[in-house]
Amino acid sequence: MNTKKLVQLAMLTSLGLALHIVESFIPNPFIGIAPGAKLGLANIIGLITLVIFGVKYALSINLLRCFLGGLATGTVTSMLYSMAGALVSTLLMWIVYRFLKKHFSLIGVSVFGALGHNIAQLIVGALIISNIRIFSYLPVMMLVSIATGVFIGITANFTIDKALINFKNSLIM
């Protein structure tokens, strides 16, 4: 890997970590509807990385961001939820982006990622508490996933189209 690419990936990781930490201070916008739900701002960086660099780097950035974010925010136990969600959502977004690109925009890719993220987190929760009834929360989380996935997809799409086009072109040179 060349130095330029390494620096670009380090910057993306730092941005993802910063968004992860900032979001930990934002009150839940879905309080009353979906306790524990978040916007998933750091997923903007994961989606951008997936599009520009591919799945290997998106996975690396997302998992590193979850690990460091858990350490930085003092929520080490939430790392299990976060890392499982990041792993599943990144892989699912890659599958949809790679194989179903003609059927789904980046917004659709993001919605699939958000759905996968929440399903993975519910699986971890069910394993931790040894109770499958946690999946009764799934319909609510699916609705929240659609809303947050659309928001993240629009933001990533706008960022790639407007702000990072030169960034992407510089990789070719």
N, C-alpha and C. Protein backbone atom coordinates (compact mmCIF):
# COMPACT_ATOMS: atom_id res chain seq x y z
N MET A 1 0.85 -1.18 0.00
CA MET A 1 0.00 0.00 0.00
C MET A 1 0.89 1.24 0.00
N ASN A 2 0.54 2.20 -0.85
CA ASN A 2 1.36 3.41 -0.89
C ASN A 2 1.00 4.36 0.25
N THR A 3 1.87 5.31 0.50
CA THR A 3 1.71 6.23 1.62
C THR A 3 0.45 7.07 1.49
N LYS A 4 0.17 7.52 0.28
CA LYS A 4 -1.02 8.36 0.05
C LYS A 4 -2.30 7.62 0.44
N LYS A 5 -2.41 6.39 0.03
CA LYS A 5 -3.59 5.59 0.35
C LYS A 5 -3.68 5.33 1.85
N LEU A 6 -2.55 5.06 2.47
CA LEU A 6 -2.51 4.84 3.92
C LEU A 6 -2.99 6.07 4.68
N VAL A 7 -2.54 7.23 4.25
CA VAL A 7 -2.96 8.48 4.89
C VAL A 7 -4.45 8.71 4.68
N GLN A 8 -4.95 8.45 3.47
CA GLN A 8 -6.38 8.62 3.20
C GLN A 8 -7.22 7.69 4.08
N LEU A 9 -6.79 6.44 4.22
CA LEU A 9 -7.51 5.49 5.07
C LEU A 9 -7.44 5.89 6.54
N ALA A 10 -6.29 6.40 6.96
CA ALA A 10 -6.15 6.87 8.35
C ALA A 10 -7.08 8.05 8.61
N MET A 11 -7.20 8.95 7.63
CA MET A 11 -8.11 10.08 7.78
C MET A 11 -9.56 9.62 7.86
N LEU A 12 -9.92 8.67 7.02
CA LEU A 12 -11.29 8.14 7.07
C LEU A 12 -11.57 7.45 8.40
N THR A 13 -10.59 6.70 8.90
CA THR A 13 -10.75 6.05 10.21
C THR A 13 -10.93 7.10 11.30
N SER A 14 -10.14 8.14 11.24
CA SER A 14 -10.25 9.22 12.24
C SER A 14 -11.60 9.92 12.17
N LEU A 15 -12.07 10.17 10.96
CA LEU A 15 -13.39 10.79 10.79
C LEU A 15 -14.49 9.89 11.35
N GLY A 16 -14.40 8.59 11.04
CA GLY A 16 -15.39 7.64 11.55
C GLY A 16 -15.38 7.59 13.07
N LEU A 17 -14.18 7.58 13.65
CA LEU A 17 -14.05 7.56 15.11
C LEU A 17 -14.61 8.85 15.72
N ALA A 18 -14.30 10.00 15.10
CA ALA A 18 -14.82 11.27 15.61
C ALA A 18 -16.34 11.29 15.57
N LEU A 19 -16.93 10.83 14.48
CA LEU A 19 -18.40 10.78 14.40
C LEU A 19 -18.98 9.81 15.42
N HIS A 20 -18.30 8.69 15.64
CA HIS A 20 -18.73 7.70 16.63
C HIS A 20 -18.76 8.34 18.03
N ILE A 21 -17.71 9.07 18.36
CA ILE A 21 -17.62 9.70 19.68
C ILE A 21 -18.63 10.83 19.81
N VAL A 22 -18.74 11.68 18.80
CA VAL A 22 -19.70 12.77 18.83
C VAL A 22 -21.12 12.22 19.01
N GLU A 23 -21.44 11.17 18.29
CA GLU A 23 -22.79 10.60 18.38
C GLU A 23 -23.09 10.05 19.77
N SER A 24 -22.06 9.62 20.49
CA SER A 24 -22.30 9.09 21.84
C SER A 24 -22.80 10.18 22.79
N PHE A 25 -22.62 11.44 22.42
CA PHE A 25 -23.09 12.56 23.24
C PHE A 25 -24.44 13.10 22.79
N ILE A 26 -24.93 12.64 21.65
CA ILE A 26 -26.21 13.11 21.12
C ILE A 26 -27.33 12.28 21.74
N PRO A 27 -28.33 12.94 22.31
CA PRO A 27 -29.47 12.18 22.86
C PRO A 27 -30.17 11.39 21.76
N ASN A 28 -30.73 10.27 22.14
CA ASN A 28 -31.44 9.40 21.19
C ASN A 28 -32.59 10.16 20.55
N PRO A 29 -32.54 10.35 19.22
CA PRO A 29 -33.63 11.06 18.55
C PRO A 29 -34.92 10.24 18.48
N PHE A 30 -34.82 8.95 18.77
CA PHE A 30 -35.98 8.07 18.68
C PHE A 30 -36.48 7.65 20.07
N ILE A 31 -36.11 8.40 21.09
CA ILE A 31 -36.50 8.06 22.46
C ILE A 31 -38.02 7.93 22.53
N GLY A 32 -38.48 6.95 23.21
CA GLY A 32 -39.91 6.69 23.28
C GLY A 32 -40.38 5.74 22.20
N ILE A 33 -39.74 5.80 21.05
CA ILE A 33 -40.08 4.91 19.95
C ILE A 33 -39.15 3.71 19.94
N ALA A 34 -37.85 3.99 20.02
CA ALA A 34 -36.83 2.94 19.92
C ALA A 34 -35.67 3.25 20.86
N PRO A 35 -35.82 2.87 22.12
CA PRO A 35 -34.72 3.10 23.07
C PRO A 35 -33.43 2.44 22.58
N GLY A 36 -32.34 3.16 22.69
CA GLY A 36 -31.04 2.62 22.28
C GLY A 36 -30.69 2.86 20.82
N ALA A 37 -31.65 3.32 20.03
CA ALA A 37 -31.39 3.56 18.61
C ALA A 37 -30.51 4.79 18.43
N LYS A 38 -29.70 4.77 17.39
CA LYS A 38 -28.82 5.89 17.06
C LYS A 38 -28.93 6.17 15.57
N LEU A 39 -28.46 7.34 15.17
CA LEU A 39 -28.47 7.69 13.76
C LEU A 39 -27.45 6.88 12.96
N GLY A 40 -26.34 6.56 13.56
CA GLY A 40 -25.29 5.81 12.86
C GLY A 40 -24.42 6.69 11.99
N LEU A 41 -24.08 7.87 12.50
CA LEU A 41 -23.32 8.84 11.71
C LEU A 41 -22.00 8.28 11.19
N ALA A 42 -21.33 7.46 11.98
CA ALA A 42 -20.03 6.91 11.56
C ALA A 42 -20.18 5.98 10.36
N ASN A 43 -21.40 5.48 10.14
CA ASN A 43 -21.63 4.61 8.98
C ASN A 43 -21.51 5.36 7.66
N ILE A 44 -21.59 6.68 7.71
CA ILE A 44 -21.35 7.49 6.51
C ILE A 44 -19.95 7.20 6.00
N ILE A 45 -19.00 7.18 6.91
CA ILE A 45 -17.60 6.95 6.54
C ILE A 45 -17.41 5.52 6.04
N GLY A 46 -18.06 4.56 6.69
CA GLY A 46 -17.97 3.18 6.24
C GLY A 46 -18.50 3.00 4.83
N LEU A 47 -19.60 3.64 4.53
CA LEU A 47 -20.20 3.54 3.20
C LEU A 47 -19.32 4.22 2.14
N ILE A 48 -18.79 5.38 2.47
CA ILE A 48 -17.88 6.07 1.56
C ILE A 48 -16.64 5.21 1.30
N THR A 49 -16.10 4.62 2.36
CA THR A 49 -14.92 3.77 2.21
C THR A 49 -15.22 2.56 1.35
N LEU A 50 -16.38 1.97 1.53
CA LEU A 50 -16.79 0.82 0.72
C LEU A 50 -16.81 1.18 -0.77
N VAL A 51 -17.37 2.32 -1.08
CA VAL A 51 -17.49 2.74 -2.47
C VAL A 51 -16.12 3.08 -3.07
N ILE A 52 -15.29 3.79 -2.32
CA ILE A 52 -14.02 4.26 -2.87
C ILE A 52 -12.93 3.19 -2.82
N PHE A 53 -12.82 2.47 -1.70
CA PHE A 53 -11.70 1.56 -1.51
C PHE A 53 -12.07 0.07 -1.55
N GLY A 54 -13.33 -0.26 -1.31
CA GLY A 54 -13.73 -1.66 -1.33
C GLY A 54 -13.99 -2.23 0.05
N VAL A 55 -14.46 -3.48 0.03
CA VAL A 55 -14.95 -4.12 1.25
C VAL A 55 -13.84 -4.37 2.28
N LYS A 56 -12.66 -4.74 1.85
CA LYS A 56 -11.58 -5.04 2.78
C LYS A 56 -11.26 -3.83 3.66
N TYR A 57 -11.15 -2.68 3.04
CA TYR A 57 -10.82 -1.47 3.80
C TYR A 57 -12.02 -0.96 4.59
N ALA A 58 -13.22 -1.11 4.05
CA ALA A 58 -14.42 -0.70 4.79
C ALA A 58 -14.56 -1.53 6.07
N LEU A 59 -14.33 -2.84 5.96
CA LEU A 59 -14.38 -3.70 7.15
C LEU A 59 -13.33 -3.28 8.16
N SER A 60 -12.12 -3.05 7.69
CA SER A 60 -11.04 -2.66 8.59
C SER A 60 -11.35 -1.36 9.32
N ILE A 61 -11.81 -0.37 8.57
CA ILE A 61 -12.11 0.93 9.17
C ILE A 61 -13.28 0.82 10.15
N ASN A 62 -14.34 0.11 9.76
CA ASN A 62 -15.50 -0.01 10.64
C ASN A 62 -15.19 -0.76 11.93
N LEU A 63 -14.46 -1.86 11.82
CA LEU A 63 -14.15 -2.64 13.03
C LEU A 63 -13.18 -1.88 13.93
N LEU A 64 -12.18 -1.23 13.34
CA LEU A 64 -11.24 -0.44 14.14
C LEU A 64 -11.96 0.72 14.81
N ARG A 65 -12.85 1.37 14.09
CA ARG A 65 -13.63 2.46 14.65
C ARG A 65 -14.48 2.01 15.82
N CYS A 66 -15.10 0.85 15.70
CA CYS A 66 -15.92 0.32 16.80
C CYS A 66 -15.08 0.00 18.02
N PHE A 67 -13.93 -0.61 17.78
CA PHE A 67 -13.04 -0.96 18.89
C PHE A 67 -12.54 0.31 19.59
N LEU A 68 -11.98 1.23 18.84
CA LEU A 68 -11.45 2.46 19.43
C LEU A 68 -12.57 3.33 20.01
N GLY A 69 -13.70 3.35 19.35
CA GLY A 69 -14.85 4.11 19.86
C GLY A 69 -15.35 3.57 21.18
N GLY A 70 -15.37 2.25 21.31
CA GLY A 70 -15.77 1.64 22.57
C GLY A 70 -14.80 1.99 23.69
N LEU A 71 -13.52 1.98 23.39
CA LEU A 71 -12.51 2.37 24.38
C LEU A 71 -12.62 3.85 24.73
N ALA A 72 -12.81 4.69 23.72
CA ALA A 72 -12.84 6.14 23.93
C ALA A 72 -14.07 6.60 24.70
N THR A 73 -15.20 5.94 24.47
CA THR A 73 -16.44 6.37 25.14
C THR A 73 -16.69 5.61 26.44
N GLY A 74 -15.82 4.65 26.73
CA GLY A 74 -15.96 3.91 27.99
C GLY A 74 -17.06 2.88 27.96
N THR A 75 -17.54 2.54 26.80
CA THR A 75 -18.62 1.56 26.68
C THR A 75 -18.09 0.28 26.05
N VAL A 76 -17.17 -0.34 26.76
CA VAL A 76 -16.50 -1.53 26.24
C VAL A 76 -17.50 -2.66 25.98
N THR A 77 -18.50 -2.80 26.83
CA THR A 77 -19.48 -3.87 26.61
C THR A 77 -20.28 -3.64 25.33
N SER A 78 -20.48 -2.39 24.98
CA SER A 78 -21.22 -2.12 23.74
C SER A 78 -20.40 -2.43 22.50
N MET A 79 -19.09 -2.66 22.68
CA MET A 79 -18.24 -3.02 21.54
C MET A 79 -18.74 -4.29 20.86
N LEU A 80 -19.24 -5.25 21.65
CA LEU A 80 -19.76 -6.49 21.06
C LEU A 80 -20.90 -6.20 20.10
N TYR A 81 -21.81 -5.35 20.54
CA TYR A 81 -22.95 -4.99 19.70
C TYR A 81 -22.48 -4.21 18.47
N SER A 82 -21.62 -3.25 18.71
CA SER A 82 -21.14 -2.38 17.65
C SER A 82 -20.34 -3.14 16.60
N MET A 83 -19.44 -4.00 17.04
CA MET A 83 -18.60 -4.74 16.10
C MET A 83 -19.41 -5.77 15.30
N ALA A 84 -20.35 -6.43 15.96
CA ALA A 84 -21.22 -7.37 15.24
C ALA A 84 -22.04 -6.64 14.19
N GLY A 85 -22.60 -5.50 14.59
CA GLY A 85 -23.38 -4.70 13.65
C GLY A 85 -22.54 -4.20 12.49
N ALA A 86 -21.33 -3.74 12.78
CA ALA A 86 -20.44 -3.23 11.73
C ALA A 86 -20.04 -4.34 10.77
N LEU A 87 -19.74 -5.50 11.29
CA LEU A 87 -19.34 -6.62 10.45
C LEU A 87 -20.47 -7.03 9.49
N VAL A 88 -21.64 -7.26 10.06
CA VAL A 88 -22.78 -7.70 9.24
C VAL A 88 -23.21 -6.61 8.27
N SER A 89 -23.30 -5.38 8.74
CA SER A 89 -23.77 -4.31 7.85
C SER A 89 -22.80 -4.05 6.71
N THR A 90 -21.50 -4.07 6.99
CA THR A 90 -20.52 -3.83 5.93
C THR A 90 -20.58 -4.93 4.88
N LEU A 91 -20.65 -6.18 5.33
CA LEU A 91 -20.72 -7.29 4.39
C LEU A 91 -22.01 -7.25 3.57
N LEU A 92 -23.11 -6.94 4.22
CA LEU A 92 -24.39 -6.86 3.52
C LEU A 92 -24.40 -5.70 2.51
N MET A 93 -23.86 -4.55 2.92
CA MET A 93 -23.79 -3.42 1.99
C MET A 93 -22.91 -3.76 0.80
N TRP A 94 -21.81 -4.46 1.04
CA TRP A 94 -20.92 -4.85 -0.06
C TRP A 94 -21.64 -5.77 -1.03
N ILE A 95 -22.38 -6.75 -0.51
CA ILE A 95 -23.11 -7.69 -1.37
C ILE A 95 -24.12 -6.93 -2.23
N VAL A 96 -24.88 -6.05 -1.61
CA VAL A 96 -25.90 -5.29 -2.36
C VAL A 96 -25.22 -4.35 -3.36
N TYR A 97 -24.17 -3.66 -2.93
CA TYR A 97 -23.46 -2.71 -3.81
C TYR A 97 -22.80 -3.44 -4.98
N ARG A 98 -22.21 -4.55 -4.70
CA ARG A 98 -21.44 -5.29 -5.72
C ARG A 98 -22.34 -6.04 -6.71
N PHE A 99 -23.37 -6.71 -6.18
CA PHE A 99 -24.16 -7.61 -7.02
C PHE A 99 -25.54 -7.09 -7.40
N LEU A 100 -26.04 -6.10 -6.69
CA LEU A 100 -27.38 -5.58 -6.96
C LEU A 100 -27.38 -4.09 -7.24
N LYS A 101 -26.22 -3.57 -7.66
CA LYS A 101 -26.04 -2.14 -7.89
C LYS A 101 -27.06 -1.56 -8.86
N LYS A 102 -27.44 -2.33 -9.87
CA LYS A 102 -28.39 -1.80 -10.85
C LYS A 102 -29.82 -1.73 -10.30
N HIS A 103 -30.07 -2.39 -9.18
CA HIS A 103 -31.40 -2.38 -8.58
C HIS A 103 -31.53 -1.43 -7.39
N PHE A 104 -30.39 -1.09 -6.76
CA PHE A 104 -30.42 -0.27 -5.55
C PHE A 104 -29.41 0.86 -5.64
N SER A 105 -29.86 2.04 -5.28
CA SER A 105 -28.96 3.19 -5.20
C SER A 105 -28.12 3.06 -3.92
N LEU A 106 -27.25 4.01 -3.70
CA LEU A 106 -26.46 4.03 -2.48
C LEU A 106 -27.36 4.17 -1.25
N ILE A 107 -28.49 4.81 -1.43
CA ILE A 107 -29.46 4.93 -0.33
C ILE A 107 -30.01 3.55 0.01
N GLY A 108 -30.37 2.77 -0.99
CA GLY A 108 -30.83 1.40 -0.75
C GLY A 108 -29.76 0.54 -0.12
N VAL A 109 -28.53 0.69 -0.58
CA VAL A 109 -27.40 -0.05 0.01
C VAL A 109 -27.29 0.28 1.49
N SER A 110 -27.42 1.55 1.82
CA SER A 110 -27.35 2.00 3.21
C SER A 110 -28.49 1.43 4.06
N VAL A 111 -29.68 1.38 3.50
CA VAL A 111 -30.82 0.82 4.23
C VAL A 111 -30.57 -0.66 4.54
N PHE A 112 -30.05 -1.40 3.57
CA PHE A 112 -29.71 -2.80 3.84
C PHE A 112 -28.68 -2.90 4.95
N GLY A 113 -27.69 -2.00 4.92
CA GLY A 113 -26.68 -2.00 5.98
C GLY A 113 -27.28 -1.73 7.34
N ALA A 114 -28.19 -0.77 7.41
CA ALA A 114 -28.83 -0.44 8.69
C ALA A 114 -29.68 -1.60 9.19
N LEU A 115 -30.39 -2.26 8.29
CA LEU A 115 -31.19 -3.43 8.68
C LEU A 115 -30.29 -4.54 9.21
N GLY A 116 -29.20 -4.82 8.49
CA GLY A 116 -28.26 -5.85 8.92
C GLY A 116 -27.62 -5.52 10.26
N HIS A 117 -27.29 -4.25 10.44
CA HIS A 117 -26.68 -3.80 11.68
C HIS A 117 -27.58 -4.09 12.88
N ASN A 118 -28.86 -3.74 12.74
CA ASN A 118 -29.79 -3.94 13.85
C ASN A 118 -30.10 -5.41 14.10
N ILE A 119 -30.18 -6.20 13.05
CA ILE A 119 -30.40 -7.64 13.23
C ILE A 119 -29.22 -8.26 13.96
N ALA A 120 -28.00 -7.89 13.57
CA ALA A 120 -26.81 -8.42 14.24
C ALA A 120 -26.79 -8.02 15.71
N GLN A 121 -27.16 -6.79 16.01
CA GLN A 121 -27.19 -6.35 17.40
C GLN A 121 -28.24 -7.09 18.21
N LEU A 122 -29.38 -7.36 17.61
CA LEU A 122 -30.41 -8.13 18.33
C LEU A 122 -29.95 -9.57 18.57
N ILE A 123 -29.22 -10.14 17.63
CA ILE A 123 -28.67 -11.49 17.82
C ILE A 123 -27.70 -11.50 19.00
N VAL A 124 -26.81 -10.52 19.06
CA VAL A 124 -25.87 -10.41 20.18
C VAL A 124 -26.64 -10.24 21.48
N GLY A 125 -27.64 -9.38 21.46
CA GLY A 125 -28.45 -9.18 22.66
C GLY A 125 -29.14 -10.45 23.11
N ALA A 126 -29.70 -11.20 22.16
CA ALA A 126 -30.38 -12.46 22.50
C ALA A 126 -29.39 -13.45 23.10
N LEU A 127 -28.18 -13.50 22.58
CA LEU A 127 -27.16 -14.40 23.11
C LEU A 127 -26.72 -13.98 24.52
N ILE A 128 -26.57 -12.69 24.74
CA ILE A 128 -26.11 -12.19 26.04
C ILE A 128 -27.16 -12.42 27.12
N ILE A 129 -28.41 -12.12 26.81
CA ILE A 129 -29.45 -12.27 27.84
C ILE A 129 -30.14 -13.63 27.79
N SER A 130 -29.74 -14.45 26.84
CA SER A 130 -30.32 -15.80 26.68
C SER A 130 -31.84 -15.77 26.58
N ASN A 131 -32.32 -14.86 25.73
CA ASN A 131 -33.76 -14.74 25.57
C ASN A 131 -34.07 -14.27 24.15
N ILE A 132 -34.73 -15.12 23.42
CA ILE A 132 -35.06 -14.81 22.02
C ILE A 132 -36.20 -13.81 21.91
N ARG A 133 -36.87 -13.53 23.00
CA ARG A 133 -37.99 -12.57 22.97
C ARG A 133 -37.55 -11.16 22.62
N ILE A 134 -36.27 -10.93 22.68
CA ILE A 134 -35.75 -9.61 22.30
C ILE A 134 -36.10 -9.29 20.84
N PHE A 135 -36.34 -10.32 20.04
CA PHE A 135 -36.69 -10.11 18.63
C PHE A 135 -38.09 -9.52 18.45
N SER A 136 -38.86 -9.41 19.52
CA SER A 136 -40.14 -8.72 19.42
C SER A 136 -39.91 -7.22 19.15
N TYR A 137 -38.70 -6.77 19.42
CA TYR A 137 -38.29 -5.40 19.18
C TYR A 137 -37.91 -5.17 17.71
N LEU A 138 -37.79 -6.25 16.94
CA LEU A 138 -37.33 -6.18 15.56
C LEU A 138 -38.18 -5.28 14.66
N PRO A 139 -39.51 -5.34 14.68
CA PRO A 139 -40.29 -4.46 13.79
C PRO A 139 -40.01 -2.98 14.03
N VAL A 140 -39.87 -2.59 15.29
CA VAL A 140 -39.57 -1.19 15.60
C VAL A 140 -38.19 -0.83 15.06
N MET A 141 -37.23 -1.72 15.28
CA MET A 141 -35.87 -1.45 14.81
C MET A 141 -35.80 -1.41 13.28
N MET A 142 -36.62 -2.20 12.63
CA MET A 142 -36.64 -2.17 11.16
C MET A 142 -37.12 -0.81 10.65
N LEU A 143 -38.15 -0.25 11.27
CA LEU A 143 -38.64 1.07 10.86
C LEU A 143 -37.57 2.13 11.09
N VAL A 144 -36.90 2.06 12.23
CA VAL A 144 -35.82 3.00 12.52
C VAL A 144 -34.68 2.80 11.53
N SER A 145 -34.38 1.56 11.20
CA SER A 145 -33.31 1.26 10.23
C SER A 145 -33.58 1.89 8.88
N ILE A 146 -34.81 1.85 8.45
CA ILE A 146 -35.15 2.44 7.15
C ILE A 146 -34.90 3.95 7.20
N ALA A 147 -35.36 4.59 8.26
CA ALA A 147 -35.17 6.05 8.38
C ALA A 147 -33.70 6.42 8.47
N THR A 148 -32.95 5.74 9.33
CA THR A 148 -31.53 6.09 9.48
C THR A 148 -30.73 5.68 8.24
N GLY A 149 -31.10 4.56 7.63
CA GLY A 149 -30.41 4.13 6.41
C GLY A 149 -30.59 5.12 5.27
N VAL A 150 -31.78 5.67 5.14
CA VAL A 150 -32.03 6.68 4.10
C VAL A 150 -31.18 7.93 4.39
N PHE A 151 -31.18 8.37 5.63
CA PHE A 151 -30.39 9.55 6.01
C PHE A 151 -28.90 9.34 5.74
N ILE A 152 -28.36 8.21 6.16
CA ILE A 152 -26.94 7.91 5.97
C ILE A 152 -26.63 7.77 4.48
N GLY A 153 -27.50 7.11 3.73
CA GLY A 153 -27.31 6.95 2.29
C GLY A 153 -27.30 8.27 1.55
N ILE A 154 -28.24 9.13 1.88
CA ILE A 154 -28.30 10.46 1.23
C ILE A 154 -27.03 11.24 1.55
N THR A 155 -26.63 11.21 2.81
CA THR A 155 -25.43 11.95 3.23
C THR A 155 -24.18 11.41 2.54
N ALA A 156 -24.03 10.09 2.50
CA ALA A 156 -22.86 9.49 1.84
C ALA A 156 -22.88 9.79 0.34
N ASN A 157 -24.04 9.68 -0.25
CA ASN A 157 -24.19 9.96 -1.69
C ASN A 157 -23.79 11.40 -2.00
N PHE A 158 -24.30 12.33 -1.21
CA PHE A 158 -23.98 13.74 -1.39
C PHE A 158 -22.48 13.98 -1.20
N THR A 159 -21.92 13.37 -0.18
CA THR A 159 -20.49 13.56 0.10
C THR A 159 -19.63 13.03 -1.03
N ILE A 160 -19.96 11.84 -1.50
CA ILE A 160 -19.18 11.27 -2.61
C ILE A 160 -19.33 12.12 -3.86
N ASP A 161 -20.55 12.51 -4.17
CA ASP A 161 -20.79 13.29 -5.39
C ASP A 161 -20.17 14.68 -5.34
N LYS A 162 -20.26 15.36 -4.21
CA LYS A 162 -19.86 16.76 -4.14
C LYS A 162 -18.48 17.00 -3.55
N ALA A 163 -18.16 16.34 -2.45
CA ALA A 163 -16.93 16.68 -1.72
C ALA A 163 -15.76 15.75 -2.01
N LEU A 164 -16.03 14.50 -2.32
CA LEU A 164 -14.94 13.54 -2.46
C LEU A 164 -14.63 13.13 -3.89
N ILE A 165 -15.22 13.80 -4.85
CA ILE A 165 -14.95 13.42 -6.23
C ILE A 165 -13.47 13.61 -6.57
N ASN A 166 -12.86 14.66 -6.07
CA ASN A 166 -11.43 14.87 -6.29
C ASN A 166 -10.61 13.85 -5.53
N PHE A 167 -11.09 13.47 -4.35
CA PHE A 167 -10.42 12.45 -3.53
C PHE A 167 -10.38 11.13 -4.30
N LYS A 168 -11.51 10.76 -4.89
CA LYS A 168 -11.59 9.52 -5.65
C LYS A 168 -10.72 9.60 -6.90
N ASN A 169 -10.76 10.72 -7.59
CA ASN A 169 -9.95 10.88 -8.79
C ASN A 169 -8.45 10.87 -8.49
N SER A 170 -8.07 11.34 -7.32
CA SER A 170 -6.64 11.35 -6.96
C SER A 170 -6.10 9.94 -6.76
N LEU A 171 -6.97 8.99 -6.49
CA LEU A 171 -6.54 7.60 -6.33
C LEU A 171 -6.11 7.00 -7.66
N ILE A 172 -6.72 7.47 -8.72
CA ILE A 172 -6.43 6.96 -10.05
C ILE A 172 -5.05 7.43 -10.52
N MET A 173 -4.68 8.63 -10.14
CA MET A 173 -3.41 9.21 -10.59
C MET A 173 -2.21 8.56 -9.95
